[in-house]
Amino acid sequence: MEILLAFTPYNQEMGTVEISKKLGFHKATVSRILLILIRYGFLQQNPQTKKFMLGPSITSLGWAINHFLNTNLVHIAKPYIDELRNILKETIVLEALAGNSTVMAYIAEGPQRVRIAGTIGDRIPIHAAAGAKAILAFSPHEVIDSFINNGAMPRYTPNTITDPKIFQRQLQDIRRQGFSFDNEEIDIGINAVGVPIFNFEEKPVAAVVVAGPSPRITWDDDSPIVVPLKDTATKISAQLHYNGESNQ
């Protein structure tokens, strides 16, 4: 395993002597293990330089884990979403990126059973929903610019932001503070707070959201919501093999 990990992160070719010196293993030991790794496809040898690099079996393993992470988001996130619901006693929503919009991928209803707008599978208005705004705020600048320049921003309540310049400033605030909010922007009387979830490519692919009555769902300095919400998003991101730094 140490020999395989020695090729990370850039898979630079190395010879037997180089590997031996790098890891402090005897040359004969390294040579024997290299033969086994080649036999099973975990390493391959450059026929010209005679040096070694990661092989096709590594690619197969990488494809398998990437496929799992990309197709099992709800399965991965569900226990953490449920745990946060039990801690906060509020409804928790997992919003997932789906093309150029987001959808409600999972809902853990709070004990008070406050009805939120939409059901699992519904698409979310990016400019008004907390989770969608959290994802967009941490997306590349060209994605943000494309939405602001081309996306429709209909009004759902008097609080809905429809001015592109104001919306862009709000996204900057979200990126700086690490969380977003829906201030009765979809339904009067319902607030929401969201934090982005990142994957192994350091891309925001989802968001965990707390939603409920506006008197209970706040994001001021005394709010008991933001810290556990960020903690939950961090745990889910770790399960998606996210190793980068965010503003969370």
Protein backbone atom coordinates (compact mmCIF):
# COMPACT_ATOMS: atom_id res chain seq x y z
CA MET A 1 0.00 0.00 0.00
CA GLU A 2 2.84 2.40 0.78
CA ILE A 3 4.34 1.72 -2.64
CA LEU A 4 1.04 2.53 -4.36
CA LEU A 5 0.55 5.69 -2.30
CA ALA A 6 4.08 6.78 -3.21
CA PHE A 7 2.78 7.51 -6.72
CA THR A 8 0.27 10.09 -5.47
CA PRO A 9 -0.69 12.76 -6.27
CA TYR A 10 0.79 13.02 -9.79
CA ASN A 11 1.66 9.42 -10.76
CA GLN A 12 5.23 10.29 -11.68
CA GLU A 13 7.27 7.38 -13.00
CA MET A 14 9.71 5.83 -10.54
CA GLY A 15 12.22 3.03 -10.73
CA THR A 16 12.91 0.34 -8.17
CA VAL A 17 15.84 2.21 -6.64
CA GLU A 18 13.86 5.47 -6.40
CA ILE A 19 10.99 3.73 -4.62
CA SER A 20 13.39 1.94 -2.30
CA LYS A 21 15.08 5.19 -1.27
CA LYS A 22 11.81 7.10 -0.95
CA LEU A 23 10.20 4.55 1.37
CA GLY A 24 13.24 3.10 3.10
CA PHE A 25 12.52 -0.46 1.94
CA HIS A 26 15.17 -2.90 0.80
CA LYS A 27 15.55 -2.98 -2.99
CA ALA A 28 14.84 -6.73 -3.13
CA THR A 29 11.62 -6.26 -1.15
CA VAL A 30 10.47 -3.47 -3.46
CA SER A 31 11.32 -5.52 -6.55
CA ARG A 32 9.29 -8.50 -5.33
CA ILE A 33 6.24 -6.38 -4.47
CA LEU A 34 6.41 -4.52 -7.79
CA LEU A 35 6.10 -7.83 -9.64
CA ILE A 36 2.95 -8.66 -7.67
CA LEU A 37 1.43 -5.23 -8.29
CA ILE A 38 2.15 -5.51 -12.01
CA ARG A 39 0.60 -9.00 -12.11
CA TYR A 40 -2.68 -7.61 -10.75
CA GLY A 41 -2.63 -4.47 -12.88
CA PHE A 42 -2.07 -1.99 -10.06
CA LEU A 43 1.21 -0.88 -11.64
CA GLN A 44 2.52 -0.93 -15.19
CA GLN A 45 6.03 -0.53 -16.58
CA ASN A 46 7.16 1.90 -19.23
CA PRO A 47 8.87 -0.30 -21.84
CA GLN A 48 11.34 2.46 -22.72
CA THR A 49 12.37 3.83 -19.31
CA LYS A 50 11.66 0.57 -17.42
CA LYS A 51 10.14 2.72 -14.69
CA PHE A 52 6.77 2.14 -13.07
CA MET A 53 3.48 4.03 -12.93
CA LEU A 54 -0.06 3.33 -11.71
CA GLY A 55 -1.88 0.75 -13.80
CA PRO A 56 -5.37 0.00 -15.17
CA SER A 57 -6.64 -1.65 -11.97
CA ILE A 58 -6.26 1.72 -10.22
CA THR A 59 -8.40 3.29 -12.94
CA SER A 60 -11.06 0.62 -12.40
CA LEU A 61 -11.09 1.27 -8.66
CA GLY A 62 -11.30 5.01 -9.24
CA TRP A 63 -14.20 4.59 -11.65
CA ALA A 64 -16.03 2.40 -9.14
CA ILE A 65 -15.71 4.87 -6.27
CA ASN A 66 -16.56 7.86 -8.49
CA HIS A 67 -19.66 6.09 -9.78
CA PHE A 68 -20.74 5.29 -6.24
CA LEU A 69 -20.20 8.83 -4.98
CA ASN A 70 -22.02 10.34 -7.97
CA THR A 71 -25.06 8.05 -7.80
CA ASN A 72 -25.51 7.42 -4.07
CA LEU A 73 -25.65 10.92 -2.62
CA VAL A 74 -28.93 10.38 -0.79
CA HIS A 75 -27.77 7.04 0.61
CA ILE A 76 -24.55 8.65 1.85
CA ALA A 77 -26.17 11.79 3.27
CA LYS A 78 -29.33 10.30 4.80
CA PRO A 79 -27.95 9.27 8.22
CA TYR A 80 -26.36 12.69 8.72
CA ILE A 81 -29.55 14.47 7.63
CA ASP A 82 -31.61 12.36 10.02
CA GLU A 83 -29.16 13.00 12.85
CA LEU A 84 -29.35 16.77 12.32
CA ARG A 85 -33.17 16.57 12.30
CA ASN A 86 -33.02 14.80 15.67
CA ILE A 87 -30.67 17.43 17.08
CA LEU A 88 -32.49 20.55 15.87
CA LYS A 89 -36.04 19.12 15.93
CA GLU A 90 -36.66 20.87 12.61
CA THR A 91 -37.24 19.73 9.04
CA ILE A 92 -33.97 19.09 7.17
CA VAL A 93 -33.75 19.00 3.37
CA LEU A 94 -31.04 17.71 1.07
CA GLU A 95 -30.95 19.78 -2.12
CA ALA A 96 -28.92 18.24 -4.94
CA LEU A 97 -27.49 19.71 -8.10
CA ALA A 98 -29.30 18.47 -11.23
CA GLY A 99 -27.99 20.05 -14.41
CA ASN A 100 -28.62 23.79 -14.25
CA SER A 101 -31.02 23.58 -11.30
CA THR A 102 -31.41 21.82 -7.97
CA VAL A 103 -33.96 19.33 -6.70
CA MET A 104 -35.22 18.24 -3.31
CA ALA A 105 -33.44 14.90 -3.03
CA TYR A 106 -34.39 13.97 0.54
CA ILE A 107 -36.57 15.44 3.30
CA ALA A 108 -36.34 14.52 6.98
CA GLU A 109 -39.53 15.91 8.49
CA GLY A 110 -39.20 17.58 11.88
CA PRO A 111 -41.37 16.45 14.80
CA GLN A 112 -43.60 19.51 14.44
CA ARG A 113 -44.48 18.49 10.88
CA VAL A 114 -44.36 21.99 9.47
CA ARG A 115 -45.16 21.74 5.78
CA ILE A 116 -42.49 23.16 3.52
CA ALA A 117 -42.91 24.09 -0.12
CA GLY A 118 -42.43 21.13 -2.45
CA THR A 119 -41.78 17.41 -2.19
CA ILE A 120 -38.94 15.05 -3.09
CA GLY A 121 -38.05 15.44 -6.76
CA ASP A 122 -39.31 19.00 -7.13
CA ARG A 123 -37.00 21.48 -8.82
CA ILE A 124 -36.00 24.51 -6.77
CA PRO A 125 -35.87 28.21 -7.78
CA ILE A 126 -32.15 28.90 -7.58
CA HIS A 127 -32.49 32.59 -6.75
CA ALA A 128 -34.87 32.00 -3.82
CA ALA A 129 -34.08 28.65 -2.13
CA ALA A 130 -31.40 28.49 0.56
CA GLY A 131 -29.77 25.30 -0.66
CA ALA A 132 -29.72 26.33 -4.30
CA LYS A 133 -28.16 29.68 -3.40
CA ALA A 134 -25.50 27.94 -1.28
CA ILE A 135 -24.55 25.72 -4.22
CA LEU A 136 -24.51 28.61 -6.69
CA ALA A 137 -22.48 30.89 -4.40
CA PHE A 138 -19.62 28.36 -4.30
CA SER A 139 -19.81 27.51 -8.00
CA PRO A 140 -17.26 28.85 -10.53
CA HIS A 141 -17.67 32.50 -11.46
CA GLU A 142 -18.66 31.65 -15.03
CA VAL A 143 -21.56 29.56 -13.72
CA ILE A 144 -22.74 32.43 -11.52
CA ASP A 145 -22.40 34.93 -14.36
CA SER A 146 -24.30 32.65 -16.73
CA PHE A 147 -27.22 32.33 -14.32
CA ILE A 148 -27.37 36.02 -13.52
CA ASN A 149 -27.17 36.99 -17.20
CA ASN A 150 -29.56 34.36 -18.53
CA GLY A 151 -31.63 33.01 -15.67
CA ALA A 152 -35.17 34.14 -14.94
CA MET A 153 -35.77 35.45 -11.42
CA PRO A 154 -39.54 35.43 -10.84
CA ARG A 155 -41.04 36.89 -7.68
CA TYR A 156 -42.73 34.44 -5.28
CA THR A 157 -43.21 36.74 -2.29
CA PRO A 158 -42.44 40.41 -1.56
CA ASN A 159 -39.08 39.20 -0.15
CA THR A 160 -37.92 37.41 -3.29
CA ILE A 161 -34.79 39.00 -4.77
CA THR A 162 -35.31 39.73 -8.47
CA ASP A 163 -32.59 42.34 -8.99
CA PRO A 164 -29.46 40.63 -10.46
CA LYS A 165 -27.06 43.09 -8.81
CA ILE A 166 -28.58 42.59 -5.35
CA PHE A 167 -28.58 38.83 -5.90
CA GLN A 168 -24.91 38.85 -6.88
CA ARG A 169 -24.01 40.78 -3.71
CA GLN A 170 -25.97 38.24 -1.68
CA LEU A 171 -23.99 35.39 -3.26
CA GLN A 172 -20.78 37.14 -2.26
CA ASP A 173 -22.05 37.38 1.33
CA ILE A 174 -22.97 33.68 1.29
CA ARG A 175 -19.52 32.69 0.08
CA ARG A 176 -17.89 34.81 2.79
CA GLN A 177 -19.99 33.53 5.70
CA GLY A 178 -20.30 29.92 4.53
CA PHE A 179 -24.09 29.65 4.65
CA SER A 180 -27.14 30.93 2.77
CA PHE A 181 -30.68 31.81 3.74
CA ASP A 182 -34.20 31.97 2.40
CA ASN A 183 -35.87 34.88 4.18
CA GLU A 184 -39.52 34.04 3.37
CA GLU A 185 -38.54 34.27 -0.31
CA ILE A 186 -40.60 31.27 -1.50
CA ASP A 187 -43.35 31.09 1.13
CA ILE A 188 -44.36 33.75 3.63
CA GLY A 189 -43.75 32.48 7.16
CA ILE A 190 -41.08 29.92 6.16
CA ASN A 191 -37.35 30.57 6.51
CA ALA A 192 -34.46 28.30 5.58
CA VAL A 193 -30.71 28.19 6.11
CA GLY A 194 -28.39 26.20 3.83
CA VAL A 195 -24.75 25.09 3.70
CA PRO A 196 -23.06 23.64 0.60
CA ILE A 197 -21.79 20.06 0.30
CA PHE A 198 -18.63 19.51 -1.75
CA ASN A 199 -17.47 16.39 -3.61
CA PHE A 200 -14.05 14.89 -4.32
CA GLU A 201 -13.54 17.36 -7.17
CA GLU A 202 -14.07 20.23 -4.71
CA LYS A 203 -17.32 21.15 -6.47
CA PRO A 204 -20.55 22.10 -4.64
CA VAL A 205 -22.96 19.31 -5.60
CA ALA A 206 -25.62 19.62 -2.92
CA ALA A 207 -26.67 21.51 0.19
CA VAL A 208 -28.10 20.63 3.57
CA VAL A 209 -30.95 22.93 4.57
CA VAL A 210 -32.92 23.63 7.74
CA ALA A 211 -36.45 24.88 7.00
CA GLY A 212 -39.27 25.96 9.27
CA PRO A 213 -41.33 28.84 10.68
CA SER A 214 -39.56 32.18 10.44
CA PRO A 215 -39.60 32.87 14.21
CA ARG A 216 -37.59 29.66 14.86
CA ILE A 217 -35.30 29.53 11.81
CA THR A 218 -32.81 32.39 12.19
CA TRP A 219 -29.17 32.93 11.28
CA ASP A 220 -28.09 35.64 13.70
CA ASP A 221 -25.21 35.32 16.16
CA ASP A 222 -27.43 33.62 18.73
CA SER A 223 -28.88 31.08 16.30
CA PRO A 224 -28.43 27.44 17.39
CA ILE A 225 -28.74 26.34 13.75
CA VAL A 226 -25.68 27.46 11.78
CA VAL A 227 -22.94 25.57 13.65
CA PRO A 228 -24.56 22.09 13.59
CA LEU A 229 -25.67 22.74 10.01
CA LYS A 230 -22.09 23.45 8.94
CA ASP A 231 -20.89 20.43 10.88
CA THR A 232 -23.35 18.16 9.06
CA ALA A 233 -22.34 19.52 5.65
CA THR A 234 -18.67 18.98 6.54
CA LYS A 235 -19.34 15.35 7.51
CA ILE A 236 -21.23 14.63 4.29
CA SER A 237 -18.53 16.34 2.21
CA ALA A 238 -15.93 14.12 3.89
CA GLN A 239 -17.93 11.05 2.89
CA LEU A 240 -17.78 12.34 -0.70
CA HIS A 241 -13.96 12.43 -0.33
CA TYR A 242 -13.75 16.21 -0.20
CA ASN A 243 -10.36 17.22 1.14
CA GLY A 244 -10.24 20.88 0.22
CA GLU A 245 -10.71 24.07 2.15
CA SER A 246 -13.99 25.98 1.99
CA ASN A 247 -15.39 28.99 3.76
CA GLN A 248 -17.36 26.74 6.07
